[in-house]
Amino acid sequence: MFDRIRRTCTGILGSGRPEAGTDRKRRTHNLFEAAAVYVAACAEDDQERIAEAQGWVSPEALSFGVSELACRAVIALARERDESPDAVARDLLGLPTA
C-alpha cells in the first residue's frame, strides 16, 4: 500500500529518480540546473540549449531559477567588487547610480 502511495506522489510531484540504466537525457533536472543552462545558453545565443533547458521545468520554475541565479550573481559580484548589490545591478544594466 505504501509503495502505491509513494509511486502516486512521485508521479504527481515529479521528484522521482531516474531508473537505473536510463541514459542521461532521460534523467530529471532541477530548476537551478535548468536556470544555469538557460542563462549560459542565452549568453552564448545557443537556441538549441535554450529550448532544451526550457523543456526541463515549467516556465514558472525556470523564471524562479533565473531570478535566484541573478540574485546570487549580483551578490557574488558585489562582494568581489566591494560594492553594494544595488550599485552592481545598476552597473550591469547600464543604469545611472541612484
Protein backbone atom coordinates (compact mmCIF):
# COMPACT_ATOMS: atom_id res chain seq x y z
CA MET A 1 0.00 0.00 0.00
CA PHE A 2 2.78 2.46 0.90
CA ASP A 3 4.56 1.62 -2.34
CA ARG A 4 1.43 2.59 -4.24
CA ILE A 5 1.18 5.92 -2.37
CA ARG A 6 4.88 6.61 -2.98
CA ARG A 7 4.54 5.95 -6.71
CA THR A 8 1.49 8.19 -6.92
CA CYS A 9 3.19 11.03 -5.05
CA THR A 10 6.35 10.61 -7.10
CA GLY A 11 4.35 10.88 -10.30
CA ILE A 12 2.47 13.95 -9.10
CA LEU A 13 5.47 15.79 -7.71
CA GLY A 14 7.85 14.72 -10.46
CA SER A 15 10.57 14.18 -7.89
CA GLY A 16 11.35 10.58 -8.73
CA ARG A 17 14.84 9.50 -9.52
CA PRO A 18 15.53 8.07 -12.94
CA GLU A 19 15.61 4.32 -13.24
CA ALA A 20 18.99 2.62 -13.25
CA GLY A 21 20.27 2.15 -16.77
CA THR A 22 18.45 5.09 -18.35
CA ASP A 23 20.51 7.47 -20.42
CA ARG A 24 21.50 10.95 -19.28
CA LYS A 25 18.93 12.70 -21.46
CA ARG A 26 16.05 10.99 -19.65
CA ARG A 27 17.07 11.97 -16.13
CA THR A 28 15.17 14.64 -14.27
CA HIS A 29 16.59 18.14 -13.97
CA ASN A 30 16.05 20.54 -11.12
CA LEU A 31 15.07 24.16 -11.62
CA PHE A 32 18.50 25.52 -10.69
CA GLU A 33 20.23 23.31 -13.24
CA ALA A 34 17.70 24.40 -15.85
CA ALA A 35 18.26 28.06 -14.95
CA ALA A 36 22.04 27.73 -15.16
CA VAL A 37 21.90 26.07 -18.57
CA TYR A 38 19.28 28.54 -19.81
CA VAL A 39 21.23 31.64 -18.76
CA ALA A 40 24.53 30.30 -20.11
CA ALA A 41 22.83 29.38 -23.39
CA CYS A 42 21.29 32.85 -23.63
CA ALA A 43 24.71 34.42 -23.07
CA GLU A 44 26.11 32.28 -25.90
CA ASP A 45 22.99 32.70 -28.10
CA ASP A 46 22.64 28.90 -28.28
CA GLN A 47 18.99 28.46 -29.30
CA GLU A 48 19.14 24.66 -29.12
CA ARG A 49 20.31 24.64 -25.47
CA ILE A 50 17.79 27.38 -24.59
CA ALA A 51 14.96 25.23 -25.92
CA GLU A 52 16.35 22.17 -24.16
CA ALA A 53 16.53 23.93 -20.78
CA GLN A 54 13.03 25.33 -21.25
CA GLY A 55 11.73 21.78 -21.61
CA TRP A 56 13.22 20.57 -18.33
CA VAL A 57 10.95 22.51 -15.95
CA SER A 58 7.80 24.60 -16.06
CA PRO A 59 8.07 28.23 -17.21
CA GLU A 60 7.29 29.40 -13.68
CA ALA A 61 10.04 27.25 -12.17
CA LEU A 62 12.52 28.42 -14.82
CA SER A 63 11.63 32.04 -14.09
CA PHE A 64 12.18 31.48 -10.37
CA GLY A 65 15.51 29.76 -11.03
CA VAL A 66 16.73 32.55 -13.30
CA SER A 67 15.71 35.13 -10.70
CA GLU A 68 17.55 33.24 -7.96
CA LEU A 69 20.63 32.92 -10.18
CA ALA A 70 20.57 36.66 -10.87
CA CYS A 71 20.36 37.45 -7.15
CA ARG A 72 23.26 35.15 -6.33
CA ALA A 73 25.36 36.53 -9.19
CA VAL A 74 24.79 40.15 -8.13
CA ILE A 75 25.64 39.31 -4.52
CA ALA A 76 28.84 37.50 -5.58
CA LEU A 77 29.91 40.39 -7.82
CA ALA A 78 29.10 42.92 -5.11
CA ARG A 79 31.32 41.07 -2.64
CA GLU A 80 34.08 40.75 -5.23
CA ARG A 81 33.94 44.45 -6.10
CA ASP A 82 33.31 45.58 -2.52
CA GLU A 83 30.21 47.48 -3.69
CA SER A 84 26.53 47.35 -2.83
CA PRO A 85 24.29 44.90 -4.73
CA ASP A 86 22.25 47.88 -5.93
CA ALA A 87 25.32 49.55 -7.46
CA VAL A 88 26.40 46.31 -9.15
CA ALA A 89 22.92 45.60 -10.56
CA ARG A 90 22.64 49.12 -11.95
CA ASP A 91 26.14 48.89 -13.44
CA LEU A 92 25.36 45.57 -15.13
CA LEU A 93 22.21 47.03 -16.65
CA GLY A 94 23.90 50.29 -17.66
CA LEU A 95 21.69 52.39 -15.38
CA PRO A 96 22.82 55.53 -13.57
CA THR A 97 23.53 55.21 -9.87
CA ALA A 98 20.64 56.16 -7.64
